[in-house]
Amino acid sequence: MSKLGRKNENDTIFLNPSQDSRKKSIIESIVDIVIGFGMYLPINFFILPMFAGEIANQELIGFLQITAIFTTVAFVRKYAVRRWFSKMRF
């Protein structure tokens, strides 16, 4: 509240009920981890054997490619889960 007892725009930011609650954040994190685990099992099964030679020879380019694949998948997964949870009401 401002000095005169009136609410200003900054006060309503902190009182917005649509902001993430702790419960919602915990559930979102758990769902994200479970989805990630389920996604990375088949990705590991198919992607890592494709780079077996690069891994065995410790080639930097192979490691960078693997990292780029996993980072891209993680970004897309996290973005999708975040957008899904932002539309949910708790």
Protein backbone atom coordinates (compact mmCIF):
# COMPACT_ATOMS: atom_id res chain seq x y z
CA MET A 1 0.00 0.00 0.00
CA SER A 2 1.11 3.52 -0.63
CA LYS A 3 1.52 6.08 2.14
CA LEU A 4 -2.07 7.28 1.74
CA GLY A 5 -3.57 3.81 2.16
CA ARG A 6 -4.29 3.31 -1.52
CA LYS A 7 -3.05 0.37 -3.53
CA ASN A 8 -0.72 1.09 -6.37
CA GLU A 9 0.18 -1.14 -9.32
CA ASN A 10 3.25 -2.58 -7.58
CA ASP A 11 1.16 -3.85 -4.65
CA THR A 12 -1.09 -5.94 -6.90
CA ILE A 13 1.89 -7.73 -8.45
CA PHE A 14 2.64 -9.41 -5.14
CA LEU A 15 -0.99 -10.22 -4.38
CA ASN A 16 -1.83 -11.82 -7.74
CA PRO A 17 -3.38 -15.23 -7.03
CA SER A 18 -2.43 -16.54 -10.47
CA GLN A 19 1.26 -16.46 -9.58
CA ASP A 20 3.00 -19.77 -8.97
CA SER A 21 2.41 -21.28 -5.58
CA ARG A 22 4.98 -23.48 -3.89
CA LYS A 23 2.72 -26.50 -4.38
CA LYS A 24 2.38 -25.79 -8.09
CA SER A 25 6.14 -25.31 -8.46
CA ILE A 26 6.89 -28.60 -6.71
CA ILE A 27 4.35 -30.48 -8.85
CA GLU A 28 5.72 -28.86 -12.01
CA SER A 29 9.27 -29.86 -11.08
CA ILE A 30 8.27 -33.46 -10.34
CA VAL A 31 6.29 -33.75 -13.58
CA ASP A 32 9.20 -32.26 -15.54
CA ILE A 33 11.66 -34.74 -14.02
CA VAL A 34 9.38 -37.74 -14.66
CA ILE A 35 8.76 -36.68 -18.28
CA GLY A 36 12.49 -36.08 -18.75
CA PHE A 37 13.33 -39.52 -17.37
CA GLY A 38 10.81 -41.12 -19.71
CA MET A 39 12.13 -39.17 -22.69
CA TYR A 40 15.83 -39.72 -22.09
CA LEU A 41 15.68 -43.51 -21.78
CA PRO A 42 14.88 -44.03 -25.48
CA ILE A 43 17.01 -41.04 -26.51
CA ASN A 44 20.02 -42.60 -24.75
CA PHE A 45 19.24 -45.93 -26.39
CA PHE A 46 19.28 -44.44 -29.90
CA ILE A 47 21.61 -41.44 -29.69
CA LEU A 48 24.56 -42.74 -27.66
CA PRO A 49 25.26 -45.77 -29.91
CA MET A 50 25.37 -43.41 -32.89
CA PHE A 51 28.27 -41.62 -31.20
CA ALA A 52 30.09 -44.69 -29.83
CA GLY A 53 33.18 -44.05 -31.94
CA GLU A 54 33.38 -40.40 -30.95
CA ILE A 55 32.93 -41.29 -27.29
CA ALA A 56 35.59 -44.02 -27.43
CA ASN A 57 38.04 -41.66 -29.17
CA GLN A 58 37.08 -38.75 -26.89
CA GLU A 59 36.42 -36.46 -29.85
CA LEU A 60 35.30 -32.99 -28.83
CA ILE A 61 32.98 -32.58 -31.84
CA GLY A 62 31.07 -35.72 -30.86
CA PHE A 63 30.67 -34.51 -27.30
CA LEU A 64 29.45 -31.13 -28.52
CA GLN A 65 26.90 -32.79 -30.81
CA ILE A 66 25.60 -35.02 -28.02
CA THR A 67 25.38 -32.02 -25.69
CA ALA A 68 23.52 -30.00 -28.33
CA ILE A 69 20.96 -32.80 -28.81
CA PHE A 70 20.33 -33.20 -25.08
CA THR A 71 20.19 -29.43 -24.53
CA THR A 72 17.67 -28.96 -27.35
CA VAL A 73 15.46 -31.77 -26.04
CA ALA A 74 15.66 -30.35 -22.51
CA PHE A 75 14.76 -26.85 -23.70
CA VAL A 76 11.74 -28.04 -25.67
CA ARG A 77 10.58 -30.27 -22.79
CA LYS A 78 10.99 -27.53 -20.19
CA TYR A 79 9.24 -24.95 -22.37
CA ALA A 80 6.30 -27.28 -23.03
CA VAL A 81 5.90 -28.23 -19.37
CA ARG A 82 6.16 -24.59 -18.26
CA ARG A 83 3.50 -23.46 -20.77
CA TRP A 84 1.24 -26.38 -19.78
CA PHE A 85 1.49 -25.52 -16.08
CA SER A 86 1.02 -21.78 -16.69
CA LYS A 87 -2.43 -22.59 -18.12
CA MET A 88 -3.42 -24.80 -15.16
CA ARG A 89 -5.37 -23.51 -12.21
CA PHE A 90 -4.37 -24.71 -8.73
